[in-house]
Amino acid sequence: MIKKFTFGLSIFALMALSFSSCSSDDDNEDASCESCSIQGETIEICDNGNDTYTLTAGGESETISSEDLEGIPPAEYIGLICTLGDLVP
């Protein structure tokens, strides 16, 4: 009887785990984007997954390559843009 209960509980646990998901399994577009705000404007850079990035600011978007970033990680790149934007009055 205990073996049947343990087996049934194991099957139930396995089924419960198979129907759960992690956030990395979801199609979350923001997962590969970095953003910041300067003077009320949001600046965002998103990884397109093919060594290109989409830089969006002021409702306009531009595709840039990883070469355009000159070795700077996207998060640092967007941080530098916002830091420079904060310096301008």
Protein backbone atom coordinates (compact mmCIF):
# COMPACT_ATOMS: atom_id res chain seq x y z
CA MET A 1 0.00 0.00 0.00
CA ILE A 2 2.79 2.45 0.90
CA LYS A 3 4.65 1.56 -2.32
CA LYS A 4 1.54 2.37 -4.37
CA PHE A 5 1.12 5.67 -2.49
CA THR A 6 4.78 6.59 -2.99
CA PHE A 7 4.60 5.65 -6.67
CA GLY A 8 1.40 7.67 -7.12
CA LEU A 9 2.90 10.64 -5.31
CA SER A 10 6.01 10.43 -7.51
CA ILE A 11 3.89 10.40 -10.68
CA PHE A 12 1.86 13.35 -9.40
CA ALA A 13 5.03 15.33 -8.59
CA LEU A 14 6.49 14.54 -12.01
CA MET A 15 3.30 15.70 -13.74
CA ALA A 16 3.19 18.89 -11.68
CA LEU A 17 6.81 19.72 -12.55
CA SER A 18 6.29 19.02 -16.24
CA PHE A 19 3.47 21.57 -16.45
CA SER A 20 5.32 24.33 -14.66
CA SER A 21 7.60 26.73 -16.50
CA CYS A 22 10.41 29.08 -15.76
CA SER A 23 10.54 32.70 -16.79
CA SER A 24 13.37 31.85 -19.19
CA ASP A 25 10.96 29.55 -21.07
CA ASP A 26 8.58 32.41 -21.83
CA ASP A 27 8.79 34.53 -24.96
CA ASN A 28 9.63 37.68 -23.08
CA GLU A 29 10.76 40.42 -25.45
CA ASP A 30 12.19 42.51 -22.60
CA ALA A 31 14.58 39.77 -21.56
CA SER A 32 17.25 40.94 -23.99
CA CYS A 33 16.63 44.68 -23.72
CA GLU A 34 18.29 47.35 -21.62
CA SER A 35 16.80 50.80 -21.11
CA CYS A 36 17.18 54.03 -19.22
CA SER A 37 15.52 57.44 -19.15
CA ILE A 38 17.02 60.84 -19.81
CA GLN A 39 15.06 64.04 -19.51
CA GLY A 40 11.78 62.10 -19.57
CA GLU A 41 12.72 60.12 -22.70
CA THR A 42 13.23 56.35 -22.65
CA ILE A 43 16.24 54.99 -24.51
CA GLU A 44 16.27 51.24 -25.18
CA ILE A 45 18.66 48.79 -26.82
CA CYS A 46 17.48 45.27 -27.65
CA ASP A 47 19.55 42.30 -28.78
CA ASN A 48 18.18 40.93 -32.06
CA GLY A 49 20.13 37.71 -31.59
CA ASN A 50 22.16 38.03 -34.79
CA ASP A 51 24.94 40.38 -33.69
CA THR A 52 22.68 43.37 -34.29
CA TYR A 53 20.80 45.55 -31.85
CA THR A 54 17.78 47.82 -32.15
CA LEU A 55 18.33 51.21 -30.54
CA THR A 56 15.06 53.02 -29.85
CA ALA A 57 14.70 56.62 -28.72
CA GLY A 58 12.03 59.25 -29.23
CA GLY A 59 9.78 56.85 -31.12
CA GLU A 60 12.45 56.14 -33.73
CA SER A 61 14.46 52.94 -34.08
CA GLU A 62 17.80 52.21 -35.67
CA THR A 63 19.55 48.88 -36.16
CA ILE A 64 23.19 48.88 -35.15
CA SER A 65 25.75 46.09 -35.30
CA SER A 66 27.90 44.74 -32.50
CA GLU A 67 30.83 46.40 -34.30
CA ASP A 68 29.11 49.77 -33.82
CA LEU A 69 29.23 49.16 -30.06
CA GLU A 70 33.02 48.88 -30.34
CA GLY A 71 33.26 46.12 -27.74
CA ILE A 72 31.10 47.89 -25.16
CA PRO A 73 28.38 45.64 -23.66
CA PRO A 74 24.84 46.85 -24.53
CA ALA A 75 23.96 47.60 -20.89
CA GLU A 76 27.06 49.76 -20.51
CA TYR A 77 26.43 51.42 -23.90
CA ILE A 78 22.92 52.49 -22.94
CA GLY A 79 24.22 53.62 -19.54
CA LEU A 80 26.81 55.84 -21.21
CA ILE A 81 24.15 57.39 -23.47
CA CYS A 82 22.00 58.25 -20.45
CA THR A 83 24.95 59.54 -18.45
CA LEU A 84 25.92 61.86 -21.29
CA GLY A 85 22.29 62.91 -21.74
CA ASP A 86 22.07 63.85 -18.08
CA LEU A 87 25.11 66.10 -18.45
CA VAL A 88 23.45 68.18 -21.16
CA PRO A 89 21.20 70.89 -19.68
